[in-house]
């Protein structure tokens, strides 16, 4: 955030990958996202790895979010085995 001169108050949404993935990685990233969301009253939006068409193309997430096809607020992780 400091590299881009971004303030936490400028963030409107936090997008978090809810899996599938390893237990520790998902729990850590989701916990941090939830804490930032709760403390700063930022909307939390969850997506799965299958929701993105290309690993480097996150524009699809915004399209899915605008169509209300992503999970809002309550983020339940999907663990891989």
PDB file of N, CA and C in Angstrom:
ATOM      1  N   UNK A   1       0.823  -1.188   0.000  1.00  0.00           N
ATOM      2  CA  UNK A   1       0.000   0.000   0.000  1.00  0.00           C
ATOM      3  C   UNK A   1       0.869   1.254   0.000  1.00  0.00           C
ATOM      4  N   UNK A   2       1.994   1.206   0.700  1.00  0.00           N
ATOM      5  CA  UNK A   2       2.852   2.389   0.738  1.00  0.00           C
ATOM      6  C   UNK A   2       3.501   2.654  -0.616  1.00  0.00           C
ATOM      7  N   UNK A   3       3.783   1.609  -1.396  1.00  0.00           N
ATOM      8  CA  UNK A   3       4.363   1.800  -2.723  1.00  0.00           C
ATOM      9  C   UNK A   3       3.406   2.535  -3.650  1.00  0.00           C
ATOM     10  N   UNK A   4       2.123   2.297  -3.494  1.00  0.00           N
ATOM     11  CA  UNK A   4       1.103   2.929  -4.338  1.00  0.00           C
ATOM     12  C   UNK A   4       0.491   4.159  -3.679  1.00  0.00           C
ATOM     13  N   UNK A   5       1.005   4.556  -2.525  1.00  0.00           N
ATOM     14  CA  UNK A   5       0.479   5.698  -1.768  1.00  0.00           C
ATOM     15  C   UNK A   5      -1.020   5.564  -1.531  1.00  0.00           C
ATOM     16  N   UNK A   6      -1.425   4.355  -1.126  1.00  0.00           N
ATOM     17  CA  UNK A   6      -2.833   4.065  -0.867  1.00  0.00           C
ATOM     18  C   UNK A   6      -3.089   4.064   0.633  1.00  0.00           C
ATOM     19  N   UNK A   7      -4.178   4.671   1.030  1.00  0.00           N
ATOM     20  CA  UNK A   7      -4.607   4.705   2.420  1.00  0.00           C
ATOM     21  C   UNK A   7      -5.702   3.663   2.603  1.00  0.00           C
ATOM     22  N   UNK A   8      -5.775   3.039   3.760  1.00  0.00           N
ATOM     23  CA  UNK A   8      -6.793   2.016   4.027  1.00  0.00           C
ATOM     24  C   UNK A   8      -8.204   2.573   3.820  1.00  0.00           C
ATOM     25  N   UNK A   9      -8.397   3.853   4.017  1.00  0.00           N
ATOM     26  CA  UNK A   9      -9.712   4.471   3.831  1.00  0.00           C
ATOM     27  C   UNK A   9     -10.135   4.551   2.364  1.00  0.00           C
ATOM     28  N   UNK A  10      -9.192   4.361   1.437  1.00  0.00           N
ATOM     29  CA  UNK A  10      -9.495   4.412   0.009  1.00  0.00           C
ATOM     30  C   UNK A  10      -9.994   3.066  -0.520  1.00  0.00           C
ATOM     31  N   UNK A  11      -9.839   2.014   0.267  1.00  0.00           N
ATOM     32  CA  UNK A  11     -10.221   0.676  -0.178  1.00  0.00           C
ATOM     33  C   UNK A  11     -11.713   0.467   0.057  1.00  0.00           C
ATOM     34  N   UNK A  12     -12.428   0.078  -0.997  1.00  0.00           N
ATOM     35  CA  UNK A  12     -13.873  -0.111  -0.922  1.00  0.00           C
ATOM     36  C   UNK A  12     -14.257  -1.576  -0.740  1.00  0.00           C
ATOM     37  N   UNK A  13     -13.459  -2.502  -1.318  1.00  0.00           N
ATOM     38  CA  UNK A  13     -13.745  -3.932  -1.234  1.00  0.00           C
ATOM     39  C   UNK A  13     -12.445  -4.707  -1.094  1.00  0.00           C
ATOM     40  N   UNK A  14     -12.541  -5.827  -0.390  1.00  0.00           N
ATOM     41  CA  UNK A  14     -11.432  -6.764  -0.300  1.00  0.00           C
ATOM     42  C   UNK A  14     -11.902  -8.055  -0.954  1.00  0.00           C
ATOM     43  N   UNK A  15     -11.194  -8.486  -1.982  1.00  0.00           N
ATOM     44  CA  UNK A  15     -11.479  -9.754  -2.650  1.00  0.00           C
ATOM     45  C   UNK A  15     -10.548 -10.809  -2.068  1.00  0.00           C
ATOM     46  N   UNK A  16     -11.106 -11.935  -1.636  1.00  0.00           N
ATOM     47  CA  UNK A  16     -10.301 -12.991  -1.014  1.00  0.00           C
ATOM     48  C   UNK A  16     -10.598 -14.331  -1.682  1.00  0.00           C
ATOM     49  N   UNK A  17      -9.520 -15.035  -2.051  1.00  0.00           N
ATOM     50  CA  UNK A  17      -9.653 -16.366  -2.636  1.00  0.00           C
ATOM     51  C   UNK A  17      -9.961 -17.340  -1.517  1.00  0.00           C
ATOM     52  N   UNK A  18     -11.110 -18.006  -1.598  1.00  0.00           N
ATOM     53  CA  UNK A  18     -11.525 -18.911  -0.530  1.00  0.00           C
ATOM     54  C   UNK A  18     -11.208 -20.371  -0.838  1.00  0.00           C
ATOM     55  N   UNK A  19     -10.454 -20.609  -1.908  1.00  0.00           N
ATOM     56  CA  UNK A  19      -9.983 -21.953  -2.178  1.00  0.00           C
ATOM     57  C   UNK A  19     -10.350 -22.433  -3.563  1.00  0.00           C
ATOM     58  N   UNK A  20     -10.102 -23.692  -3.791  1.00  0.00           N
ATOM     59  CA  UNK A  20      -9.508 -24.655  -2.879  1.00  0.00           C
ATOM     60  C   UNK A  20      -8.030 -24.348  -2.622  1.00  0.00           C
ATOM     61  N   UNK A  21      -7.584 -24.789  -1.457  1.00  0.00           N
ATOM     62  CA  UNK A  21      -6.202 -24.549  -1.074  1.00  0.00           C
ATOM     63  C   UNK A  21      -5.852 -25.211   0.237  1.00  0.00           C
ATOM     64  N   UNK A  22      -4.627 -25.030   0.643  1.00  0.00           N
ATOM     65  CA  UNK A  22      -4.123 -25.621   1.881  1.00  0.00           C
ATOM     66  C   UNK A  22      -4.741 -24.931   3.096  1.00  0.00           C
ATOM     67  N   UNK A  23      -4.988 -25.714   4.134  1.00  0.00           N
ATOM     68  CA  UNK A  23      -5.655 -25.250   5.344  1.00  0.00           C
ATOM     69  C   UNK A  23      -4.994 -24.002   5.929  1.00  0.00           C
ATOM     70  N   UNK A  24      -3.702 -24.070   6.220  1.00  0.00           N
ATOM     71  CA  UNK A  24      -3.018 -22.959   6.901  1.00  0.00           C
ATOM     72  C   UNK A  24      -3.026 -21.689   6.061  1.00  0.00           C
ATOM     73  N   UNK A  25      -2.785 -21.819   4.776  1.00  0.00           N
ATOM     74  CA  UNK A  25      -2.759 -20.649   3.891  1.00  0.00           C
ATOM     75  C   UNK A  25      -4.123 -19.968   3.828  1.00  0.00           C
ATOM     76  N   UNK A  26      -5.174 -20.775   3.655  1.00  0.00           N
ATOM     77  CA  UNK A  26      -6.520 -20.202   3.580  1.00  0.00           C
ATOM     78  C   UNK A  26      -6.943 -19.560   4.890  1.00  0.00           C
ATOM     79  N   UNK A  27      -6.721 -20.250   5.997  1.00  0.00           N
ATOM     80  CA  UNK A  27      -7.129 -19.712   7.301  1.00  0.00           C
ATOM     81  C   UNK A  27      -6.416 -18.396   7.589  1.00  0.00           C
ATOM     82  N   UNK A  28      -5.125 -18.327   7.266  1.00  0.00           N
ATOM     83  CA  UNK A  28      -4.355 -17.105   7.520  1.00  0.00           C
ATOM     84  C   UNK A  28      -4.855 -15.954   6.657  1.00  0.00           C
ATOM     85  N   UNK A  29      -4.970 -16.175   5.354  1.00  0.00           N
ATOM     86  CA  UNK A  29      -5.370 -15.085   4.465  1.00  0.00           C
ATOM     87  C   UNK A  29      -6.813 -14.638   4.722  1.00  0.00           C
ATOM     88  N   UNK A  30      -7.702 -15.577   4.979  1.00  0.00           N
ATOM     89  CA  UNK A  30      -9.096 -15.210   5.256  1.00  0.00           C
ATOM     90  C   UNK A  30      -9.203 -14.474   6.588  1.00  0.00           C
ATOM     91  N   UNK A  31      -8.442 -14.895   7.584  1.00  0.00           N
ATOM     92  CA  UNK A  31      -8.468 -14.215   8.888  1.00  0.00           C
ATOM     93  C   UNK A  31      -7.992 -12.774   8.779  1.00  0.00           C
ATOM     94  N   UNK A  32      -6.916 -12.556   8.033  1.00  0.00           N
ATOM     95  CA  UNK A  32      -6.400 -11.196   7.845  1.00  0.00           C
ATOM     96  C   UNK A  32      -7.412 -10.344   7.086  1.00  0.00           C
ATOM     97  N   UNK A  33      -7.988 -10.902   6.027  1.00  0.00           N
ATOM     98  CA  UNK A  33      -8.988 -10.156   5.243  1.00  0.00           C
ATOM     99  C   UNK A  33     -10.203  -9.804   6.092  1.00  0.00           C
ATOM    100  N   UNK A  34     -10.674 -10.771   6.898  1.00  0.00           N
ATOM    101  CA  UNK A  34     -11.835 -10.504   7.763  1.00  0.00           C
ATOM    102  C   UNK A  34     -11.521  -9.431   8.796  1.00  0.00           C
ATOM    103  N   UNK A  35     -10.316  -9.466   9.367  1.00  0.00           N
ATOM    104  CA  UNK A  35      -9.932  -8.466  10.364  1.00  0.00           C
ATOM    105  C   UNK A  35      -9.882  -7.075   9.743  1.00  0.00           C
ATOM    106  N   UNK A  36      -9.256  -6.954   8.576  1.00  0.00           N
ATOM    107  CA  UNK A  36      -9.206  -5.661   7.885  1.00  0.00           C
ATOM    108  C   UNK A  36     -10.602  -5.180   7.516  1.00  0.00           C
ATOM    109  N   UNK A  37     -11.431  -6.096   7.050  1.00  0.00           N
ATOM    110  CA  UNK A  37     -12.800  -5.760   6.671  1.00  0.00           C
ATOM    111  C   UNK A  37     -13.602  -5.259   7.870  1.00  0.00           C
ATOM    112  N   UNK A  38     -13.532  -6.002   8.968  1.00  0.00           N
ATOM    113  CA  UNK A  38     -14.299  -5.645  10.160  1.00  0.00           C
ATOM    114  C   UNK A  38     -13.817  -4.335  10.767  1.00  0.00           C
ATOM    115  N   UNK A  39     -12.510  -4.185  10.919  1.00  0.00           N
ATOM    116  CA  UNK A  39     -11.951  -3.005  11.581  1.00  0.00           C
ATOM    117  C   UNK A  39     -12.158  -1.728  10.789  1.00  0.00           C
ATOM    118  N   UNK A  40     -12.203  -1.844   9.472  1.00  0.00           N
ATOM    119  CA  UNK A  40     -12.296  -0.653   8.630  1.00  0.00           C
ATOM    120  C   UNK A  40     -13.611  -0.526   7.873  1.00  0.00           C
ATOM    121  N   UNK A  41     -14.570  -1.411   8.191  1.00  0.00           N
ATOM    122  CA  UNK A  41     -15.887  -1.388   7.549  1.00  0.00           C
ATOM    123  C   UNK A  41     -15.770  -1.431   6.020  1.00  0.00           C
ATOM    124  N   UNK A  42     -14.978  -2.420   5.549  1.00  0.00           N
ATOM    125  CA  UNK A  42     -14.775  -2.631   4.123  1.00  0.00           C
ATOM    126  C   UNK A  42     -15.518  -3.897   3.724  1.00  0.00           C
ATOM    127  N   UNK A  43     -16.214  -3.843   2.586  1.00  0.00           N
ATOM    128  CA  UNK A  43     -16.949  -5.020   2.118  1.00  0.00           C
ATOM    129  C   UNK A  43     -15.972  -6.142   1.763  1.00  0.00           C
ATOM    130  N   UNK A  44     -16.310  -7.351   2.166  1.00  0.00           N
ATOM    131  CA  UNK A  44     -15.495  -8.526   1.910  1.00  0.00           C
ATOM    132  C   UNK A  44     -16.193  -9.390   0.865  1.00  0.00           C
ATOM    133  N   UNK A  45     -15.465  -9.757  -0.195  1.00  0.00           N
ATOM    134  CA  UNK A  45     -16.026 -10.535  -1.288  1.00  0.00           C
ATOM    135  C   UNK A  45     -15.148 -11.763  -1.515  1.00  0.00           C
ATOM    136  N   UNK A  46     -15.762 -12.951  -1.475  1.00  0.00           N
ATOM    137  CA  UNK A  46     -15.016 -14.185  -1.663  1.00  0.00           C
ATOM    138  C   UNK A  46     -15.200 -14.763  -3.050  1.00  0.00           C
ATOM    139  N   UNK A  47     -14.132 -15.371  -3.560  1.00  0.00           N
ATOM    140  CA  UNK A  47     -14.187 -16.049  -4.847  1.00  0.00           C
ATOM    141  C   UNK A  47     -13.397 -17.343  -4.761  1.00  0.00           C
ATOM    142  N   UNK A  48     -13.610 -18.237  -5.713  1.00  0.00           N
ATOM    143  CA  UNK A  48     -12.834 -19.473  -5.763  1.00  0.00           C
ATOM    144  C   UNK A  48     -11.847 -19.386  -6.921  1.00  0.00           C
ATOM    145  N   UNK A  49     -10.877 -20.264  -6.919  1.00  0.00           N
ATOM    146  CA  UNK A  49      -9.884 -20.285  -7.997  1.00  0.00           C
ATOM    147  C   UNK A  49     -10.549 -20.524  -9.351  1.00  0.00           C
ATOM    148  N   UNK A  50     -11.668 -21.246  -9.349  1.00  0.00           N
ATOM    149  CA  UNK A  50     -12.369 -21.524 -10.602  1.00  0.00           C
ATOM    150  C   UNK A  50     -13.098 -20.290 -11.157  1.00  0.00           C
ATOM    151  N   UNK A  51     -13.273 -19.258 -10.343  1.00  0.00           N
ATOM    152  CA  UNK A  51     -13.961 -18.045 -10.792  1.00  0.00           C
ATOM    153  C   UNK A  51     -13.106 -17.179 -11.712  1.00  0.00           C
ATOM    154  N   UNK A  52     -11.787 -17.334 -11.639  1.00  0.00           N
ATOM    155  CA  UNK A  52     -10.918 -16.515 -12.490  1.00  0.00           C
ATOM    156  C   UNK A  52     -10.504 -17.316 -13.710  1.00  0.00           C
ATOM    157  N   UNK A  53     -10.620 -16.693 -14.870  1.00  0.00           N
ATOM    158  CA  UNK A  53     -10.331 -17.371 -16.137  1.00  0.00           C
ATOM    159  C   UNK A  53      -8.831 -17.555 -16.336  1.00  0.00           C
ATOM    160  N   UNK A  54      -8.071 -16.552 -15.994  1.00  0.00           N
ATOM    161  CA  UNK A  54      -6.628 -16.550 -16.179  1.00  0.00           C
ATOM    162  C   UNK A  54      -6.007 -16.100 -14.869  1.00  0.00           C
ATOM    163  N   UNK A  55      -4.958 -16.747 -14.433  1.00  0.00           N
ATOM    164  CA  UNK A  55      -4.358 -16.448 -13.125  1.00  0.00           C
ATOM    165  C   UNK A  55      -3.972 -14.976 -12.976  1.00  0.00           C
ATOM    166  N   UNK A  56      -3.673 -14.295 -14.071  1.00  0.00           N
ATOM    167  CA  UNK A  56      -3.273 -12.890 -14.006  1.00  0.00           C
ATOM    168  C   UNK A  56      -4.407 -11.932 -14.367  1.00  0.00           C
ATOM    169  N   UNK A  57      -5.593 -12.446 -14.633  1.00  0.00           N
ATOM    170  CA  UNK A  57      -6.709 -11.608 -15.059  1.00  0.00           C
ATOM    171  C   UNK A  57      -7.783 -11.566 -13.978  1.00  0.00           C
ATOM    172  N   UNK A  58      -7.715 -10.576 -13.128  1.00  0.00           N
ATOM    173  CA  UNK A  58      -8.682 -10.440 -12.054  1.00  0.00           C
ATOM    174  C   UNK A  58      -9.863  -9.555 -12.440  1.00  0.00           C
ATOM    175  N   UNK A  59      -9.881  -9.057 -13.670  1.00  0.00           N
ATOM    176  CA  UNK A  59     -11.009  -8.243 -14.129  1.00  0.00           C
ATOM    177  C   UNK A  59     -12.300  -9.053 -14.112  1.00  0.00           C
ATOM    178  N   UNK A  60     -12.185 -10.349 -14.337  1.00  0.00           N
ATOM    179  CA  UNK A  60     -13.343 -11.232 -14.314  1.00  0.00           C
ATOM    180  C   UNK A  60     -14.036 -11.197 -12.951  1.00  0.00           C
ATOM    181  N   UNK A  61     -13.267 -11.028 -11.881  1.00  0.00           N
ATOM    182  CA  UNK A  61     -13.848 -10.952 -10.531  1.00  0.00           C
ATOM    183  C   UNK A  61     -14.777  -9.761 -10.394  1.00  0.00           C
ATOM    184  N   UNK A  62     -14.364  -8.647 -10.935  1.00  0.00           N
ATOM    185  CA  UNK A  62     -15.196  -7.443 -10.851  1.00  0.00           C
ATOM    186  C   UNK A  62     -16.490  -7.651 -11.637  1.00  0.00           C
ATOM    187  N   UNK A  63     -16.389  -8.286 -12.810  1.00  0.00           N
ATOM    188  CA  UNK A  63     -17.593  -8.588 -13.600  1.00  0.00           C
ATOM    189  C   UNK A  63     -18.530  -9.516 -12.821  1.00  0.00           C
ATOM    190  N   UNK A  64     -17.972 -10.576 -12.206  1.00  0.00           N
ATOM    191  CA  UNK A  64     -18.796 -11.502 -11.425  1.00  0.00           C
ATOM    192  C   UNK A  64     -19.405 -10.812 -10.207  1.00  0.00           C
ATOM    193  N   UNK A  65     -18.645  -9.925  -9.586  1.00  0.00           N
ATOM    194  CA  UNK A  65     -19.145  -9.184  -8.434  1.00  0.00           C
ATOM    195  C   UNK A  65     -20.297  -8.267  -8.841  1.00  0.00           C
ATOM    196  N   UNK A  66     -20.153  -7.599  -9.964  1.00  0.00           N
ATOM    197  CA  UNK A  66     -21.226  -6.718 -10.450  1.00  0.00           C
ATOM    198  C   UNK A  66     -22.493  -7.489 -10.781  1.00  0.00           C
ATOM    199  N   UNK A  67     -22.347  -8.766 -11.137  1.00  0.00           N
ATOM    200  CA  UNK A  67     -23.493  -9.625 -11.442  1.00  0.00           C
ATOM    201  C   UNK A  67     -23.991 -10.365 -10.195  1.00  0.00           C
ATOM    202  N   UNK A  68     -23.454 -10.035  -9.025  1.00  0.00           N
ATOM    203  CA  UNK A  68     -23.805 -10.666  -7.746  1.00  0.00           C
ATOM    204  C   UNK A  68     -23.622 -12.180  -7.766  1.00  0.00           C
ATOM    205  N   UNK A  69     -22.542 -12.645  -8.387  1.00  0.00           N
ATOM    206  CA  UNK A  69     -22.266 -14.075  -8.458  1.00  0.00           C
ATOM    207  C   UNK A  69     -21.160 -14.514  -7.502  1.00  0.00           C
ATOM    208  N   UNK A  70     -20.700 -13.618  -6.632  1.00  0.00           N
ATOM    209  CA  UNK A  70     -19.656 -13.954  -5.662  1.00  0.00           C
ATOM    210  C   UNK A  70     -20.222 -13.897  -4.253  1.00  0.00           C
ATOM    211  N   UNK A  71     -19.556 -14.562  -3.335  1.00  0.00           N
ATOM    212  CA  UNK A  71     -19.974 -14.606  -1.935  1.00  0.00           C
ATOM    213  C   UNK A  71     -19.683 -13.269  -1.262  1.00  0.00           C
ATOM    214  N   UNK A  72     -20.635 -12.765  -0.502  1.00  0.00           N
ATOM    215  CA  UNK A  72     -20.448 -11.504   0.224  1.00  0.00           C
ATOM    216  C   UNK A  72     -20.358 -11.780   1.721  1.00  0.00           C
ATOM    217  N   UNK A  73     -19.479 -11.087   2.386  1.00  0.00           N
ATOM    218  CA  UNK A  73     -19.313 -11.050   3.841  1.00  0.00           C
ATOM    219  C   UNK A  73     -18.898 -12.369   4.482  1.00  0.00           C
ATOM    220  N   UNK A  74     -19.735 -13.395   4.499  1.00  0.00           N
ATOM    221  CA  UNK A  74     -19.383 -14.643   5.170  1.00  0.00           C
ATOM    222  C   UNK A  74     -18.574 -15.508   4.214  1.00  0.00           C
ATOM    223  N   UNK A  75     -17.300 -15.655   4.500  1.00  0.00           N
ATOM    224  CA  UNK A  75     -16.389 -16.383   3.622  1.00  0.00           C
ATOM    225  C   UNK A  75     -16.089 -17.743   4.239  1.00  0.00           C
ATOM    226  N   UNK A  76     -16.516 -18.807   3.593  1.00  0.00           N
ATOM    227  CA  UNK A  76     -16.257 -20.175   4.042  1.00  0.00           C
ATOM    228  C   UNK A  76     -15.183 -20.793   3.161  1.00  0.00           C
ATOM    229  N   UNK A  77     -14.059 -21.200   3.734  1.00  0.00           N
ATOM    230  CA  UNK A  77     -12.962 -21.750   2.928  1.00  0.00           C
ATOM    231  C   UNK A  77     -13.304 -23.123   2.333  1.00  0.00           C
ATOM    232  N   UNK A  78     -12.642 -23.417   1.217  1.00  0.00           N
ATOM    233  CA  UNK A  78     -12.750 -24.721   0.565  1.00  0.00           C
ATOM    234  C   UNK A  78     -11.346 -25.331   0.614  1.00  0.00           C
ATOM    235  N   UNK A  79     -11.166 -26.346   1.425  1.00  0.00           N
ATOM    236  CA  UNK A  79      -9.842 -26.941   1.598  1.00  0.00           C
ATOM    237  C   UNK A  79      -9.605 -28.037   0.584  1.00  0.00           C
ATOM    238  N   UNK A  80      -8.359 -28.097   0.108  1.00  0.00           N
ATOM    239  CA  UNK A  80      -7.988 -29.194  -0.781  1.00  0.00           C
ATOM    240  C   UNK A  80      -7.469 -30.347   0.060  1.00  0.00           C
ATOM    241  N   UNK A  81      -7.534 -31.537  -0.491  1.00  0.00           N
ATOM    242  CA  UNK A  81      -7.092 -32.693   0.284  1.00  0.00           C
ATOM    243  C   UNK A  81      -5.674 -33.085  -0.042  1.00  0.00           C
TER     244      UNK A  81
END
